[in-house]
Amino acid sequence: MIITINTPVKTRFIAGKLLVSWLKRHLFSLVVENIAKIK
């Protein structure tokens, strides 16, 4: 029972971390592109 409760939480946590890191990278590249266009 402990495993079934913990596994989804861990999976969600890992997925959340991956999503956040991906978003940061994506937003950073977008900002860099916009700055390059302005310059």
Protein backbone atom coordinates (compact mmCIF):
# COMPACT_ATOMS: atom_id res chain seq x y z
CA MET A 1 0.00 0.00 0.00
CA ILE A 2 2.87 2.39 0.78
CA ILE A 3 4.35 1.74 -2.68
CA THR A 4 1.09 2.55 -4.51
CA ILE A 5 0.79 5.83 -2.58
CA ASN A 6 4.44 6.87 -2.98
CA THR A 7 4.97 5.95 -6.65
CA PRO A 8 2.47 8.42 -8.20
CA VAL A 9 3.79 11.21 -5.96
CA LYS A 10 7.39 10.51 -7.00
CA THR A 11 6.40 10.27 -10.66
CA ARG A 12 4.49 13.55 -10.45
CA PHE A 13 7.43 15.18 -8.64
CA ILE A 14 9.93 14.01 -11.28
CA ALA A 15 7.57 15.04 -14.10
CA GLY A 16 7.13 18.44 -12.45
CA LYS A 17 10.89 18.94 -12.17
CA LEU A 18 11.37 17.97 -15.82
CA LEU A 19 8.56 20.29 -16.92
CA VAL A 20 10.00 23.21 -14.93
CA SER A 21 13.51 22.70 -16.32
CA TRP A 22 12.12 22.38 -19.86
CA LEU A 23 10.03 25.55 -19.43
CA LYS A 24 13.04 27.46 -18.08
CA ARG A 25 15.15 26.41 -21.08
CA HIS A 26 12.34 27.19 -23.53
CA LEU A 27 11.61 30.62 -22.02
CA PHE A 28 15.33 31.45 -21.87
CA SER A 29 15.81 30.64 -25.58
CA LEU A 30 12.71 32.70 -26.46
CA VAL A 31 14.03 35.69 -24.49
CA VAL A 32 17.45 35.39 -26.16
CA GLU A 33 15.80 35.26 -29.61
CA ASN A 34 13.72 38.35 -28.83
CA ILE A 35 16.76 40.27 -27.59
CA ALA A 36 18.65 39.31 -30.75
CA LYS A 37 15.73 40.58 -32.87
CA ILE A 38 15.63 43.90 -30.97
CA LYS A 39 19.37 44.41 -31.40
